[in-house]
Amino acid sequence: MERMKRKEEEFLCRGHILNALSSPIYTAHRHIQTAKELWTTLQEKYRIEEVSNQKFLIGNFMSFKITDDKSIRSNQ
């Protein structure tokens, strides 16, 4: 009984995760069998992407320079 309940919950959880994905991401990840493995895979993929975006933004911020030839006032 407990095993059947766990199997049903696993199926529902995996279904909810897959249902929230866009078509290309769904197609790429639908072969993953367990909800935990699916969640971990998605989390690792998008955490790496997020960190990469943050590094890009921080790099742009760090390269910002104030120069005398540009005004800091708006053009209004």
PDB file of N, CA and C in Angstrom:
ATOM      1  N   MET A   1       0.826  -1.192   0.000  1.00  0.00           N
ATOM      2  CA  MET A   1       0.000   0.000   0.000  1.00  0.00           C
ATOM      3  C   MET A   1       0.873   1.260   0.000  1.00  0.00           C
ATOM      4  N   GLU A   2       1.863   1.261   0.881  1.00  0.00           N
ATOM      5  CA  GLU A   2       2.780   2.406   0.986  1.00  0.00           C
ATOM      6  C   GLU A   2       3.566   2.601  -0.311  1.00  0.00           C
ATOM      7  N   ARG A   3       3.989   1.497  -0.900  1.00  0.00           N
ATOM      8  CA  ARG A   3       4.752   1.548  -2.142  1.00  0.00           C
ATOM      9  C   ARG A   3       3.898   2.099  -3.289  1.00  0.00           C
ATOM     10  N   MET A   4       2.632   1.727  -3.341  1.00  0.00           N
ATOM     11  CA  MET A   4       1.719   2.222  -4.380  1.00  0.00           C
ATOM     12  C   MET A   4       1.503   3.730  -4.232  1.00  0.00           C
ATOM     13  N   LYS A   5       1.343   4.180  -2.984  1.00  0.00           N
ATOM     14  CA  LYS A   5       1.147   5.599  -2.724  1.00  0.00           C
ATOM     15  C   LYS A   5       2.378   6.392  -3.152  1.00  0.00           C
ATOM     16  N   ARG A   6       3.551   5.883  -2.815  1.00  0.00           N
ATOM     17  CA  ARG A   6       4.804   6.561  -3.185  1.00  0.00           C
ATOM     18  C   ARG A   6       4.967   6.636  -4.699  1.00  0.00           C
ATOM     19  N   LYS A   7       4.628   5.547  -5.386  1.00  0.00           N
ATOM     20  CA  LYS A   7       4.738   5.509  -6.843  1.00  0.00           C
ATOM     21  C   LYS A   7       3.775   6.515  -7.491  1.00  0.00           C
ATOM     22  N   GLU A   8       2.577   6.624  -6.958  1.00  0.00           N
ATOM     23  CA  GLU A   8       1.600   7.583  -7.470  1.00  0.00           C
ATOM     24  C   GLU A   8       2.061   9.023  -7.216  1.00  0.00           C
ATOM     25  N   GLU A   9       2.582   9.292  -6.033  1.00  0.00           N
ATOM     26  CA  GLU A   9       3.079  10.631  -5.720  1.00  0.00           C
ATOM     27  C   GLU A   9       4.270  11.007  -6.607  1.00  0.00           C
ATOM     28  N   GLU A  10       5.141  10.053  -6.864  1.00  0.00           N
ATOM     29  CA  GLU A  10       6.288  10.269  -7.753  1.00  0.00           C
ATOM     30  C   GLU A  10       5.805  10.623  -9.161  1.00  0.00           C
ATOM     31  N   PHE A  11       4.813   9.891  -9.653  1.00  0.00           N
ATOM     32  CA  PHE A  11       4.247  10.135 -10.970  1.00  0.00           C
ATOM     33  C   PHE A  11       3.628  11.530 -11.048  1.00  0.00           C
ATOM     34  N   LEU A  12       2.869  11.907 -10.028  1.00  0.00           N
ATOM     35  CA  LEU A  12       2.218  13.223 -10.012  1.00  0.00           C
ATOM     36  C   LEU A  12       3.233  14.357  -9.938  1.00  0.00           C
ATOM     37  N   CYS A  13       4.230  14.194  -9.093  1.00  0.00           N
ATOM     38  CA  CYS A  13       5.255  15.230  -8.925  1.00  0.00           C
ATOM     39  C   CYS A  13       6.025  15.426 -10.226  1.00  0.00           C
ATOM     40  N   ARG A  14       6.452  14.344 -10.844  1.00  0.00           N
ATOM     41  CA  ARG A  14       7.169  14.417 -12.114  1.00  0.00           C
ATOM     42  C   ARG A  14       6.282  15.074 -13.170  1.00  0.00           C
ATOM     43  N   GLY A  15       5.012  14.724 -13.191  1.00  0.00           N
ATOM     44  CA  GLY A  15       4.070  15.311 -14.141  1.00  0.00           C
ATOM     45  C   GLY A  15       3.907  16.806 -13.942  1.00  0.00           C
ATOM     46  N   HIS A  16       3.830  17.247 -12.705  1.00  0.00           N
ATOM     47  CA  HIS A  16       3.704  18.683 -12.414  1.00  0.00           C
ATOM     48  C   HIS A  16       4.939  19.453 -12.871  1.00  0.00           C
ATOM     49  N   ILE A  17       6.111  18.894 -12.635  1.00  0.00           N
ATOM     50  CA  ILE A  17       7.350  19.551 -13.064  1.00  0.00           C
ATOM     51  C   ILE A  17       7.387  19.649 -14.583  1.00  0.00           C
ATOM     52  N   LEU A  18       7.126  18.533 -15.269  1.00  0.00           N
ATOM     53  CA  LEU A  18       7.155  18.535 -16.737  1.00  0.00           C
ATOM     54  C   LEU A  18       6.097  19.459 -17.318  1.00  0.00           C
ATOM     55  N   ASN A  19       4.945  19.537 -16.678  1.00  0.00           N
ATOM     56  CA  ASN A  19       3.857  20.389 -17.161  1.00  0.00           C
ATOM     57  C   ASN A  19       4.221  21.870 -17.112  1.00  0.00           C
ATOM     58  N   ALA A  20       5.109  22.251 -16.216  1.00  0.00           N
ATOM     59  CA  ALA A  20       5.495  23.649 -16.065  1.00  0.00           C
ATOM     60  C   ALA A  20       6.571  24.077 -17.073  1.00  0.00           C
ATOM     61  N   LEU A  21       7.140  23.127 -17.807  1.00  0.00           N
ATOM     62  CA  LEU A  21       8.233  23.433 -18.731  1.00  0.00           C
ATOM     63  C   LEU A  21       7.710  23.835 -20.108  1.00  0.00           C
ATOM     64  N   SER A  22       8.486  24.660 -20.803  1.00  0.00           N
ATOM     65  CA  SER A  22       8.151  25.001 -22.182  1.00  0.00           C
ATOM     66  C   SER A  22       8.446  23.788 -23.066  1.00  0.00           C
ATOM     67  N   SER A  23       7.921  23.793 -24.278  1.00  0.00           N
ATOM     68  CA  SER A  23       8.039  22.637 -25.170  1.00  0.00           C
ATOM     69  C   SER A  23       9.474  22.176 -25.427  1.00  0.00           C
ATOM     70  N   PRO A  24      10.402  23.078 -25.784  1.00  0.00           N
ATOM     71  CA  PRO A  24      11.763  22.583 -26.044  1.00  0.00           C
ATOM     72  C   PRO A  24      12.435  21.996 -24.801  1.00  0.00           C
ATOM     73  N   ILE A  25      12.194  22.593 -23.648  1.00  0.00           N
ATOM     74  CA  ILE A  25      12.799  22.085 -22.412  1.00  0.00           C
ATOM     75  C   ILE A  25      12.137  20.767 -22.025  1.00  0.00           C
ATOM     76  N   TYR A  26      10.819  20.679 -22.219  1.00  0.00           N
ATOM     77  CA  TYR A  26      10.096  19.436 -21.957  1.00  0.00           C
ATOM     78  C   TYR A  26      10.653  18.299 -22.805  1.00  0.00           C
ATOM     79  N   THR A  27      10.817  18.571 -24.094  1.00  0.00           N
ATOM     80  CA  THR A  27      11.313  17.549 -25.015  1.00  0.00           C
ATOM     81  C   THR A  27      12.701  17.065 -24.614  1.00  0.00           C
ATOM     82  N   ALA A  28      13.536  17.975 -24.159  1.00  0.00           N
ATOM     83  CA  ALA A  28      14.894  17.608 -23.779  1.00  0.00           C
ATOM     84  C   ALA A  28      14.956  16.812 -22.474  1.00  0.00           C
ATOM     85  N   HIS A  29      13.966  16.975 -21.603  1.00  0.00           N
ATOM     86  CA  HIS A  29      14.044  16.368 -20.267  1.00  0.00           C
ATOM     87  C   HIS A  29      12.968  15.316 -19.981  1.00  0.00           C
ATOM     88  N   ARG A  30      12.096  15.015 -20.916  1.00  0.00           N
ATOM     89  CA  ARG A  30      10.999  14.075 -20.633  1.00  0.00           C
ATOM     90  C   ARG A  30      11.464  12.647 -20.387  1.00  0.00           C
ATOM     91  N   HIS A  31      12.670  12.312 -20.818  1.00  0.00           N
ATOM     92  CA  HIS A  31      13.180  10.952 -20.632  1.00  0.00           C
ATOM     93  C   HIS A  31      13.643  10.673 -19.206  1.00  0.00           C
ATOM     94  N   ILE A  32      13.821  11.695 -18.396  1.00  0.00           N
ATOM     95  CA  ILE A  32      14.274  11.508 -17.008  1.00  0.00           C
ATOM     96  C   ILE A  32      13.140  10.867 -16.210  1.00  0.00           C
ATOM     97  N   GLN A  33      13.450   9.789 -15.520  1.00  0.00           N
ATOM     98  CA  GLN A  33      12.422   8.948 -14.923  1.00  0.00           C
ATOM     99  C   GLN A  33      11.882   9.407 -13.570  1.00  0.00           C
ATOM    100  N   THR A  34      12.731   9.946 -12.703  1.00  0.00           N
ATOM    101  CA  THR A  34      12.255  10.298 -11.369  1.00  0.00           C
ATOM    102  C   THR A  34      12.134  11.806 -11.211  1.00  0.00           C
ATOM    103  N   ALA A  35      11.226  12.217 -10.346  1.00  0.00           N
ATOM    104  CA  ALA A  35      11.011  13.641 -10.093  1.00  0.00           C
ATOM    105  C   ALA A  35      12.253  14.273  -9.470  1.00  0.00           C
ATOM    106  N   LYS A  36      12.905  13.563  -8.576  1.00  0.00           N
ATOM    107  CA  LYS A  36      14.102  14.100  -7.920  1.00  0.00           C
ATOM    108  C   LYS A  36      15.229  14.321  -8.926  1.00  0.00           C
ATOM    109  N   GLU A  37      15.454  13.345  -9.787  1.00  0.00           N
ATOM    110  CA  GLU A  37      16.496  13.466 -10.805  1.00  0.00           C
ATOM    111  C   GLU A  37      16.164  14.599 -11.786  1.00  0.00           C
ATOM    112  N   LEU A  38      14.907  14.716 -12.170  1.00  0.00           N
ATOM    113  CA  LEU A  38      14.462  15.781 -13.070  1.00  0.00           C
ATOM    114  C   LEU A  38      14.686  17.143 -12.423  1.00  0.00           C
ATOM    115  N   TRP A  39      14.273  17.276 -11.170  1.00  0.00           N
ATOM    116  CA  TRP A  39      14.424  18.543 -10.449  1.00  0.00           C
ATOM    117  C   TRP A  39      15.894  18.920 -10.311  1.00  0.00           C
ATOM    118  N   THR A  40      16.733  17.964  -9.954  1.00  0.00           N
ATOM    119  CA  THR A  40      18.165  18.222  -9.786  1.00  0.00           C
ATOM    120  C   THR A  40      18.803  18.646 -11.105  1.00  0.00           C
ATOM    121  N   THR A  41      18.458  17.974 -12.188  1.00  0.00           N
ATOM    122  CA  THR A  41      18.996  18.307 -13.505  1.00  0.00           C
ATOM    123  C   THR A  41      18.625  19.728 -13.904  1.00  0.00           C
ATOM    124  N   LEU A  42      17.363  20.076 -13.751  1.00  0.00           N
ATOM    125  CA  LEU A  42      16.904  21.423 -14.107  1.00  0.00           C
ATOM    126  C   LEU A  42      17.549  22.480 -13.216  1.00  0.00           C
ATOM    127  N   GLN A  43      17.650  22.188 -11.947  1.00  0.00           N
ATOM    128  CA  GLN A  43      18.239  23.129 -10.993  1.00  0.00           C
ATOM    129  C   GLN A  43      19.706  23.392 -11.330  1.00  0.00           C
ATOM    130  N   GLU A  44      20.458  22.350 -11.630  1.00  0.00           N
ATOM    131  CA  GLU A  44      21.872  22.518 -11.970  1.00  0.00           C
ATOM    132  C   GLU A  44      22.033  23.307 -13.263  1.00  0.00           C
ATOM    133  N   LYS A  45      21.226  22.999 -14.264  1.00  0.00           N
ATOM    134  CA  LYS A  45      21.329  23.682 -15.554  1.00  0.00           C
ATOM    135  C   LYS A  45      21.045  25.169 -15.418  1.00  0.00           C
ATOM    136  N   TYR A  46      19.975  25.513 -14.744  1.00  0.00           N
ATOM    137  CA  TYR A  46      19.597  26.918 -14.667  1.00  0.00           C
ATOM    138  C   TYR A  46      20.332  27.685 -13.577  1.00  0.00           C
ATOM    139  N   ARG A  47      20.876  27.013 -12.600  1.00  0.00           N
ATOM    140  CA  ARG A  47      21.721  27.685 -11.615  1.00  0.00           C
ATOM    141  C   ARG A  47      23.018  28.125 -12.284  1.00  0.00           C
ATOM    142  N   ILE A  48      23.585  27.265 -13.127  1.00  0.00           N
ATOM    143  CA  ILE A  48      24.809  27.613 -13.860  1.00  0.00           C
ATOM    144  C   ILE A  48      24.530  28.790 -14.788  1.00  0.00           C
ATOM    145  N   GLU A  49      23.397  28.778 -15.465  1.00  0.00           N
ATOM    146  CA  GLU A  49      23.033  29.877 -16.360  1.00  0.00           C
ATOM    147  C   GLU A  49      22.863  31.176 -15.578  1.00  0.00           C
ATOM    148  N   GLU A  50      22.236  31.114 -14.416  1.00  0.00           N
ATOM    149  CA  GLU A  50      22.028  32.299 -13.583  1.00  0.00           C
ATOM    150  C   GLU A  50      23.355  32.877 -13.096  1.00  0.00           C
ATOM    151  N   VAL A  51      24.261  32.010 -12.673  1.00  0.00           N
ATOM    152  CA  VAL A  51      25.574  32.460 -12.211  1.00  0.00           C
ATOM    153  C   VAL A  51      26.331  33.132 -13.353  1.00  0.00           C
ATOM    154  N   SER A  52      26.224  32.572 -14.540  1.00  0.00           N
ATOM    155  CA  SER A  52      26.877  33.149 -15.705  1.00  0.00           C
ATOM    156  C   SER A  52      26.333  34.546 -15.996  1.00  0.00           C
ATOM    157  N   ASN A  53      25.013  34.708 -15.909  1.00  0.00           N
ATOM    158  CA  ASN A  53      24.398  36.018 -16.120  1.00  0.00           C
ATOM    159  C   ASN A  53      24.859  37.020 -15.061  1.00  0.00           C
ATOM    160  N   GLN A  54      24.964  36.577 -13.823  1.00  0.00           N
ATOM    161  CA  GLN A  54      25.407  37.469 -12.754  1.00  0.00           C
ATOM    162  C   GLN A  54      26.854  37.900 -12.969  1.00  0.00           C
ATOM    163  N   LYS A  55      27.705  36.978 -13.409  1.00  0.00           N
ATOM    164  CA  LYS A  55      29.100  37.331 -13.685  1.00  0.00           C
ATOM    165  C   LYS A  55      29.172  38.374 -14.791  1.00  0.00           C
ATOM    166  N   PHE A  56      28.337  38.228 -15.816  1.00  0.00           N
ATOM    167  CA  PHE A  56      28.311  39.187 -16.916  1.00  0.00           C
ATOM    168  C   PHE A  56      27.906  40.570 -16.408  1.00  0.00           C
ATOM    169  N   LEU A  57      26.856  40.622 -15.591  1.00  0.00           N
ATOM    170  CA  LEU A  57      26.389  41.901 -15.065  1.00  0.00           C
ATOM    171  C   LEU A  57      27.428  42.542 -14.150  1.00  0.00           C
ATOM    172  N   ILE A  58      28.047  41.751 -13.299  1.00  0.00           N
ATOM    173  CA  ILE A  58      29.080  42.271 -12.395  1.00  0.00           C
ATOM    174  C   ILE A  58      30.279  42.759 -13.199  1.00  0.00           C
ATOM    175  N   GLY A  59      30.635  42.027 -14.259  1.00  0.00           N
ATOM    176  CA  GLY A  59      31.738  42.451 -15.118  1.00  0.00           C
ATOM    177  C   GLY A  59      31.455  43.785 -15.771  1.00  0.00           C
ATOM    178  N   ASN A  60      30.223  43.982 -16.231  1.00  0.00           N
ATOM    179  CA  ASN A  60      29.842  45.269 -16.822  1.00  0.00           C
ATOM    180  C   ASN A  60      29.889  46.379 -15.777  1.00  0.00           C
ATOM    181  N   PHE A  61      29.433  46.095 -14.576  1.00  0.00           N
ATOM    182  CA  PHE A  61      29.447  47.082 -13.509  1.00  0.00           C
ATOM    183  C   PHE A  61      30.876  47.471 -13.150  1.00  0.00           C
ATOM    184  N   MET A  62      31.747  46.482 -13.066  1.00  0.00           N
ATOM    185  CA  MET A  62      33.127  46.744 -12.674  1.00  0.00           C
ATOM    186  C   MET A  62      33.882  47.529 -13.746  1.00  0.00           C
ATOM    187  N   SER A  63      33.464  47.402 -15.015  1.00  0.00           N
ATOM    188  CA  SER A  63      34.172  48.120 -16.079  1.00  0.00           C
ATOM    189  C   SER A  63      33.585  49.509 -16.317  1.00  0.00           C
ATOM    190  N   PHE A  64      32.570  49.890 -15.550  1.00  0.00           N
ATOM    191  CA  PHE A  64      31.975  51.213 -15.682  1.00  0.00           C
ATOM    192  C   PHE A  64      32.980  52.264 -15.221  1.00  0.00           C
ATOM    193  N   LYS A  65      33.137  53.300 -16.029  1.00  0.00           N
ATOM    194  CA  LYS A  65      34.084  54.365 -15.683  1.00  0.00           C
ATOM    195  C   LYS A  65      33.396  55.723 -15.853  1.00  0.00           C
ATOM    196  N   ILE A  66      33.699  56.620 -14.968  1.00  0.00           N
ATOM    197  CA  ILE A  66      33.208  57.991 -15.080  1.00  0.00           C
ATOM    198  C   ILE A  66      34.259  58.789 -15.839  1.00  0.00           C
ATOM    199  N   THR A  67      33.793  59.501 -16.834  1.00  0.00           N
ATOM    200  CA  THR A  67      34.711  60.326 -17.623  1.00  0.00           C
ATOM    201  C   THR A  67      34.246  61.772 -17.581  1.00  0.00           C
ATOM    202  N   ASP A  68      35.155  62.698 -17.819  1.00  0.00           N
ATOM    203  CA  ASP A  68      34.826  64.125 -17.790  1.00  0.00           C
ATOM    204  C   ASP A  68      34.021  64.566 -19.004  1.00  0.00           C
ATOM    205  N   ASP A  69      34.085  63.850 -20.103  1.00  0.00           N
ATOM    206  CA  ASP A  69      33.398  64.285 -21.325  1.00  0.00           C
ATOM    207  C   ASP A  69      31.919  63.895 -21.365  1.00  0.00           C
ATOM    208  N   LYS A  70      31.431  63.132 -20.408  1.00  0.00           N
ATOM    209  CA  LYS A  70      30.018  62.750 -20.378  1.00  0.00           C
ATOM    210  C   LYS A  70      29.356  63.354 -19.144  1.00  0.00           C
ATOM    211  N   SER A  71      28.163  63.901 -19.364  1.00  0.00           N
ATOM    212  CA  SER A  71      27.418  64.487 -18.268  1.00  0.00           C
ATOM    213  C   SER A  71      26.665  63.406 -17.495  1.00  0.00           C
ATOM    214  N   ILE A  72      26.537  63.572 -16.219  1.00  0.00           N
ATOM    215  CA  ILE A  72      25.756  62.622 -15.427  1.00  0.00           C
ATOM    216  C   ILE A  72      24.301  63.051 -15.293  1.00  0.00           C
ATOM    217  N   ARG A  73      23.979  64.226 -15.784  1.00  0.00           N
ATOM    218  CA  ARG A  73      22.601  64.720 -15.776  1.00  0.00           C
ATOM    219  C   ARG A  73      21.830  64.151 -16.948  1.00  0.00           C
ATOM    220  N   SER A  74      20.524  64.029 -16.763  1.00  0.00           N
ATOM    221  CA  SER A  74      19.697  63.571 -17.878  1.00  0.00           C
ATOM    222  C   SER A  74      19.536  64.709 -18.881  1.00  0.00           C
ATOM    223  N   ASN A  75      19.111  64.388 -20.079  1.00  0.00           N
ATOM    224  CA  ASN A  75      19.000  65.385 -21.158  1.00  0.00           C
ATOM    225  C   ASN A  75      17.650  66.089 -21.142  1.00  0.00           C
ATOM    226  N   GLN A  76      17.021  66.223 -20.064  1.00  0.00           N
ATOM    227  CA  GLN A  76      15.701  66.869 -20.000  1.00  0.00           C
ATOM    228  C   GLN A  76      15.825  68.353 -19.855  1.00  0.00           C
TER     229      GLN A  76
END
